[in-house]
Amino acid sequence: MVMNTMKNEDSLRSRTKILVVDDEQRMIHFIRMNLDLEGFSVHEAYDGKDALNQIRKVMPDLVILDVMMPKMDG
């Protein structure tokens, strides 16, 4: 029973798409590294405009968004 639950969690994580939006590449790298270790599908954007394009393209389940960025704030 426990193994089946773990497999279901792993399957859900691998299908969960997360978009990380930040103008600091180091921050995206740090967040991505941790989410990758947990098995999530991680996508990146470096400003608000890029984030809007990625949202349309990827249709993420979750967006982790920096508030102050160049071109367009989060």
N, C-alpha and C. Protein backbone atom coordinates (compact mmCIF):
# COMPACT_ATOMS: atom_id res chain seq x y z
N MET A 1 0.82 -1.19 0.00
CA MET A 1 0.00 0.00 0.00
C MET A 1 0.87 1.26 0.00
N VAL A 2 1.90 1.27 0.84
CA VAL A 2 2.78 2.43 0.91
C VAL A 2 3.52 2.63 -0.41
N MET A 3 4.00 1.55 -1.01
CA MET A 3 4.72 1.66 -2.28
C MET A 3 3.82 2.21 -3.38
N ASN A 4 2.57 1.78 -3.40
CA ASN A 4 1.62 2.25 -4.39
C ASN A 4 1.39 3.76 -4.24
N THR A 5 1.26 4.22 -2.99
CA THR A 5 1.08 5.64 -2.72
C THR A 5 2.30 6.43 -3.17
N MET A 6 3.49 5.91 -2.92
CA MET A 6 4.72 6.59 -3.34
C MET A 6 4.80 6.68 -4.85
N LYS A 7 4.41 5.62 -5.55
CA LYS A 7 4.42 5.64 -7.01
C LYS A 7 3.44 6.68 -7.54
N ASN A 8 2.27 6.78 -6.91
CA ASN A 8 1.29 7.78 -7.33
C ASN A 8 1.81 9.20 -7.12
N GLU A 9 2.50 9.45 -6.00
CA GLU A 9 3.08 10.76 -5.73
C GLU A 9 4.16 11.08 -6.76
N ASP A 10 5.02 10.12 -7.07
CA ASP A 10 6.07 10.33 -8.07
C ASP A 10 5.48 10.63 -9.43
N SER A 11 4.43 9.92 -9.79
CA SER A 11 3.77 10.13 -11.07
C SER A 11 3.16 11.52 -11.14
N LEU A 12 2.53 11.95 -10.06
CA LEU A 12 1.92 13.28 -10.02
C LEU A 12 2.98 14.36 -10.13
N ARG A 13 4.08 14.20 -9.41
CA ARG A 13 5.16 15.19 -9.46
C ARG A 13 5.74 15.30 -10.86
N SER A 14 5.96 14.18 -11.52
CA SER A 14 6.58 14.22 -12.85
C SER A 14 5.67 14.89 -13.87
N ARG A 15 4.36 14.88 -13.62
CA ARG A 15 3.42 15.53 -14.54
C ARG A 15 3.17 16.99 -14.17
N THR A 16 3.55 17.40 -12.95
CA THR A 16 3.30 18.76 -12.49
C THR A 16 4.34 19.70 -13.09
N LYS A 17 3.85 20.69 -13.85
CA LYS A 17 4.73 21.65 -14.51
C LYS A 17 4.78 22.93 -13.68
N ILE A 18 6.00 23.36 -13.35
CA ILE A 18 6.20 24.56 -12.56
C ILE A 18 7.03 25.54 -13.37
N LEU A 19 6.55 26.77 -13.47
CA LEU A 19 7.28 27.84 -14.14
C LEU A 19 7.90 28.73 -13.07
N VAL A 20 9.21 28.90 -13.13
CA VAL A 20 9.94 29.76 -12.21
C VAL A 20 10.32 31.02 -12.97
N VAL A 21 9.89 32.18 -12.45
CA VAL A 21 10.13 33.45 -13.13
C VAL A 21 10.93 34.36 -12.21
N ASP A 22 12.13 34.72 -12.66
CA ASP A 22 12.99 35.62 -11.89
C ASP A 22 14.03 36.19 -12.83
N ASP A 23 14.45 37.44 -12.59
CA ASP A 23 15.48 38.03 -13.43
C ASP A 23 16.88 37.68 -12.93
N GLU A 24 16.97 37.04 -11.77
CA GLU A 24 18.26 36.61 -11.25
C GLU A 24 18.46 35.13 -11.57
N GLN A 25 19.41 34.87 -12.43
CA GLN A 25 19.66 33.50 -12.89
C GLN A 25 20.05 32.57 -11.73
N ARG A 26 20.78 33.11 -10.75
CA ARG A 26 21.18 32.30 -9.59
C ARG A 26 19.96 31.79 -8.82
N MET A 27 18.97 32.67 -8.69
CA MET A 27 17.76 32.29 -7.95
C MET A 27 17.00 31.19 -8.69
N ILE A 28 16.87 31.35 -10.01
CA ILE A 28 16.20 30.32 -10.80
C ILE A 28 16.95 29.00 -10.68
N HIS A 29 18.27 29.05 -10.75
CA HIS A 29 19.08 27.83 -10.65
C HIS A 29 18.84 27.14 -9.30
N PHE A 30 18.84 27.91 -8.22
CA PHE A 30 18.64 27.35 -6.88
C PHE A 30 17.26 26.70 -6.76
N ILE A 31 16.22 27.40 -7.20
CA ILE A 31 14.86 26.87 -7.11
C ILE A 31 14.71 25.64 -8.00
N ARG A 32 15.24 25.75 -9.22
CA ARG A 32 15.13 24.63 -10.17
C ARG A 32 15.83 23.38 -9.64
N MET A 33 17.00 23.55 -9.07
CA MET A 33 17.76 22.42 -8.55
C MET A 33 16.93 21.65 -7.51
N ASN A 34 16.29 22.38 -6.61
CA ASN A 34 15.49 21.73 -5.56
C ASN A 34 14.23 21.08 -6.12
N LEU A 35 13.57 21.74 -7.05
CA LEU A 35 12.36 21.17 -7.64
C LEU A 35 12.69 19.96 -8.51
N ASP A 36 13.80 20.02 -9.25
CA ASP A 36 14.24 18.88 -10.05
C ASP A 36 14.49 17.65 -9.16
N LEU A 37 15.12 17.88 -8.01
CA LEU A 37 15.39 16.77 -7.08
C LEU A 37 14.10 16.11 -6.61
N GLU A 38 13.03 16.88 -6.54
CA GLU A 38 11.72 16.34 -6.11
C GLU A 38 10.94 15.73 -7.27
N GLY A 39 11.48 15.85 -8.50
CA GLY A 39 10.86 15.19 -9.64
C GLY A 39 9.87 16.03 -10.44
N PHE A 40 9.79 17.34 -10.16
CA PHE A 40 8.87 18.19 -10.90
C PHE A 40 9.44 18.57 -12.27
N SER A 41 8.56 18.90 -13.20
CA SER A 41 8.95 19.41 -14.51
C SER A 41 9.07 20.93 -14.40
N VAL A 42 10.28 21.45 -14.50
CA VAL A 42 10.53 22.87 -14.23
C VAL A 42 10.84 23.62 -15.52
N HIS A 43 10.21 24.77 -15.68
CA HIS A 43 10.43 25.65 -16.82
C HIS A 43 10.86 27.01 -16.29
N GLU A 44 11.55 27.81 -17.12
CA GLU A 44 12.12 29.07 -16.67
C GLU A 44 11.68 30.24 -17.54
N ALA A 45 11.60 31.42 -16.90
CA ALA A 45 11.41 32.68 -17.61
C ALA A 45 12.18 33.74 -16.84
N TYR A 46 12.69 34.74 -17.56
CA TYR A 46 13.58 35.72 -16.94
C TYR A 46 12.99 37.12 -16.83
N ASP A 47 11.78 37.33 -17.31
CA ASP A 47 11.07 38.59 -17.11
C ASP A 47 9.58 38.35 -17.34
N GLY A 48 8.78 39.38 -17.08
CA GLY A 48 7.33 39.22 -17.17
C GLY A 48 6.84 38.84 -18.55
N LYS A 49 7.42 39.46 -19.57
CA LYS A 49 6.99 39.16 -20.95
C LYS A 49 7.32 37.71 -21.32
N ASP A 50 8.52 37.28 -20.96
CA ASP A 50 8.91 35.89 -21.21
C ASP A 50 7.99 34.94 -20.43
N ALA A 51 7.60 35.34 -19.22
CA ALA A 51 6.71 34.51 -18.41
C ALA A 51 5.36 34.33 -19.10
N LEU A 52 4.81 35.41 -19.65
CA LEU A 52 3.52 35.30 -20.34
C LEU A 52 3.62 34.35 -21.54
N ASN A 53 4.72 34.44 -22.27
CA ASN A 53 4.92 33.53 -23.41
C ASN A 53 5.03 32.08 -22.94
N GLN A 54 5.77 31.85 -21.86
CA GLN A 54 5.93 30.49 -21.33
C GLN A 54 4.61 29.94 -20.79
N ILE A 55 3.81 30.81 -20.18
CA ILE A 55 2.51 30.36 -19.66
C ILE A 55 1.63 29.88 -20.80
N ARG A 56 1.62 30.63 -21.90
CA ARG A 56 0.82 30.23 -23.06
C ARG A 56 1.33 28.92 -23.67
N LYS A 57 2.65 28.78 -23.69
CA LYS A 57 3.27 27.62 -24.33
C LYS A 57 3.19 26.36 -23.45
N VAL A 58 3.53 26.50 -22.19
CA VAL A 58 3.70 25.35 -21.30
C VAL A 58 2.42 25.01 -20.51
N MET A 59 1.59 26.01 -20.22
CA MET A 59 0.40 25.83 -19.38
C MET A 59 0.78 25.21 -18.03
N PRO A 60 1.62 25.92 -17.24
CA PRO A 60 2.09 25.36 -15.97
C PRO A 60 0.97 25.20 -14.95
N ASP A 61 1.19 24.28 -14.03
CA ASP A 61 0.27 24.06 -12.92
C ASP A 61 0.52 25.06 -11.80
N LEU A 62 1.76 25.56 -11.73
CA LEU A 62 2.14 26.49 -10.68
C LEU A 62 3.17 27.46 -11.24
N VAL A 63 3.09 28.73 -10.83
CA VAL A 63 4.08 29.73 -11.22
C VAL A 63 4.70 30.29 -9.95
N ILE A 64 6.02 30.23 -9.86
CA ILE A 64 6.76 30.87 -8.78
C ILE A 64 7.33 32.14 -9.39
N LEU A 65 6.90 33.29 -8.87
CA LEU A 65 7.10 34.55 -9.57
C LEU A 65 7.78 35.59 -8.70
N ASP A 66 8.87 36.16 -9.20
CA ASP A 66 9.50 37.32 -8.57
C ASP A 66 8.61 38.53 -8.83
N VAL A 67 8.51 39.43 -7.88
CA VAL A 67 7.61 40.57 -8.02
C VAL A 67 8.24 41.70 -8.82
N MET A 68 9.52 42.00 -8.58
CA MET A 68 10.17 43.13 -9.26
C MET A 68 11.15 42.61 -10.31
N MET A 69 10.82 42.85 -11.59
CA MET A 69 11.66 42.40 -12.70
C MET A 69 11.70 43.47 -13.78
N PRO A 70 12.70 43.40 -14.68
CA PRO A 70 12.74 44.34 -15.79
C PRO A 70 11.64 44.05 -16.82
N LYS A 71 11.34 45.00 -17.65
CA LYS A 71 10.35 44.93 -18.73
C LYS A 71 8.92 44.89 -18.22
N MET A 72 8.63 43.96 -17.31
CA MET A 72 7.27 43.84 -16.77
C MET A 72 7.37 43.15 -15.42
N ASP A 73 6.84 43.79 -14.40
CA ASP A 73 6.87 43.20 -13.06
C ASP A 73 5.93 42.02 -12.95
N GLY A 74 6.18 41.19 -11.94
CA GLY A 74 5.32 40.04 -11.68
C GLY A 74 4.19 40.51 -10.89
